[in-house]
């Protein structure tokens, strides 16, 4: 069973190496992302894709996990559609 404590410990040890972009609010998925070219891109288009850093300098796994949990809690508090999926 995966619990928050177990995942936090894994994040500390650096055993989580790959991350996925997850949009937790269905209303945000239809919003457009500004791009440098003329492409039309929405947050829904990047939902579920792997998060790739351009250099070896990236945030610690603990921070990324913390931001994900905070996003879920905020979506729940504001009763956003789709936060449970």
Protein backbone atom coordinates (compact mmCIF):
# COMPACT_ATOMS: atom_id res chain seq x y z
CA UNK A 1 0.00 0.00 0.00
CA UNK A 2 1.26 3.46 -0.86
CA UNK A 3 0.72 6.05 1.84
CA UNK A 4 1.73 9.69 1.98
CA UNK A 5 4.49 8.84 4.47
CA UNK A 6 5.93 6.09 2.26
CA UNK A 7 5.88 8.33 -0.80
CA UNK A 8 7.51 11.15 1.18
CA UNK A 9 10.33 8.80 2.24
CA UNK A 10 10.79 7.63 -1.36
CA UNK A 11 10.99 11.26 -2.45
CA UNK A 12 13.69 11.92 0.15
CA UNK A 13 15.81 9.01 -1.06
CA UNK A 14 15.50 10.11 -4.68
CA UNK A 15 13.91 6.86 -5.84
CA UNK A 16 11.23 8.77 -7.76
CA UNK A 17 12.88 9.71 -11.03
CA UNK A 18 10.01 10.39 -13.40
CA UNK A 19 7.15 12.81 -12.89
CA UNK A 20 3.92 13.35 -14.78
CA UNK A 21 2.09 16.63 -15.31
CA UNK A 22 -1.33 16.39 -13.72
CA UNK A 23 -4.03 19.07 -14.08
CA UNK A 24 -6.37 18.61 -11.10
CA UNK A 25 -9.09 21.05 -12.19
CA UNK A 26 -11.29 20.23 -15.20
CA UNK A 27 -12.03 23.92 -15.83
CA UNK A 28 -8.31 24.64 -16.19
CA UNK A 29 -7.90 21.95 -18.86
CA UNK A 30 -9.67 24.11 -21.46
CA UNK A 31 -7.58 27.22 -20.80
CA UNK A 32 -5.00 28.17 -23.41
CA UNK A 33 -1.27 28.20 -22.78
CA UNK A 34 0.64 31.11 -24.33
CA UNK A 35 3.24 29.81 -26.80
CA UNK A 36 6.05 31.48 -28.74
CA UNK A 37 4.77 30.16 -32.06
CA UNK A 38 1.24 30.23 -33.47
CA UNK A 39 0.20 26.85 -32.05
CA UNK A 40 -2.97 26.59 -29.99
CA UNK A 41 -2.15 24.62 -26.86
CA UNK A 42 -4.34 24.01 -23.82
CA UNK A 43 -3.54 22.69 -20.36
CA UNK A 44 -5.56 19.59 -21.26
CA UNK A 45 -3.06 18.88 -24.05
CA UNK A 46 -0.19 18.57 -21.57
CA UNK A 47 -2.15 16.73 -18.87
CA UNK A 48 -0.57 13.31 -18.34
CA UNK A 49 2.68 14.05 -20.16
CA UNK A 50 6.04 13.46 -18.53
CA UNK A 51 7.63 16.43 -16.79
CA UNK A 52 11.08 16.92 -18.34
CA UNK A 53 13.72 19.34 -17.06
CA UNK A 54 16.13 20.87 -19.56
CA UNK A 55 19.13 20.63 -17.24
CA UNK A 56 20.15 18.55 -14.26
CA UNK A 57 19.00 21.39 -11.99
CA UNK A 58 15.51 20.41 -10.94
CA UNK A 59 13.45 20.73 -7.75
CA UNK A 60 13.67 18.02 -5.13
CA UNK A 61 11.06 15.28 -5.34
CA UNK A 62 9.79 16.32 -1.91
CA UNK A 63 8.89 19.78 -3.22
CA UNK A 64 7.12 18.44 -6.33
CA UNK A 65 5.07 16.04 -4.23
CA UNK A 66 4.22 18.81 -1.76
CA UNK A 67 3.01 21.09 -4.59
CA UNK A 68 0.82 18.28 -5.94
CA UNK A 69 -0.80 17.68 -2.54
CA UNK A 70 -1.38 21.42 -2.04
CA UNK A 71 -3.02 21.62 -5.49
CA UNK A 72 -5.35 18.74 -4.57
CA UNK A 73 -6.27 20.34 -1.25
CA UNK A 74 -6.99 23.70 -2.88
CA UNK A 75 -9.13 22.06 -5.57
CA UNK A 76 -11.06 20.20 -2.89
CA UNK A 77 -11.57 23.31 -0.75
CA UNK A 78 -12.87 25.31 -3.73
CA UNK A 79 -15.01 22.33 -4.86
CA UNK A 80 -13.40 22.23 -8.31
CA UNK A 81 -14.87 19.80 -10.77
CA UNK A 82 -12.58 16.84 -11.45
CA UNK A 83 -10.27 17.06 -8.45
CA UNK A 84 -11.10 13.49 -7.36
CA UNK A 85 -10.07 11.69 -10.57
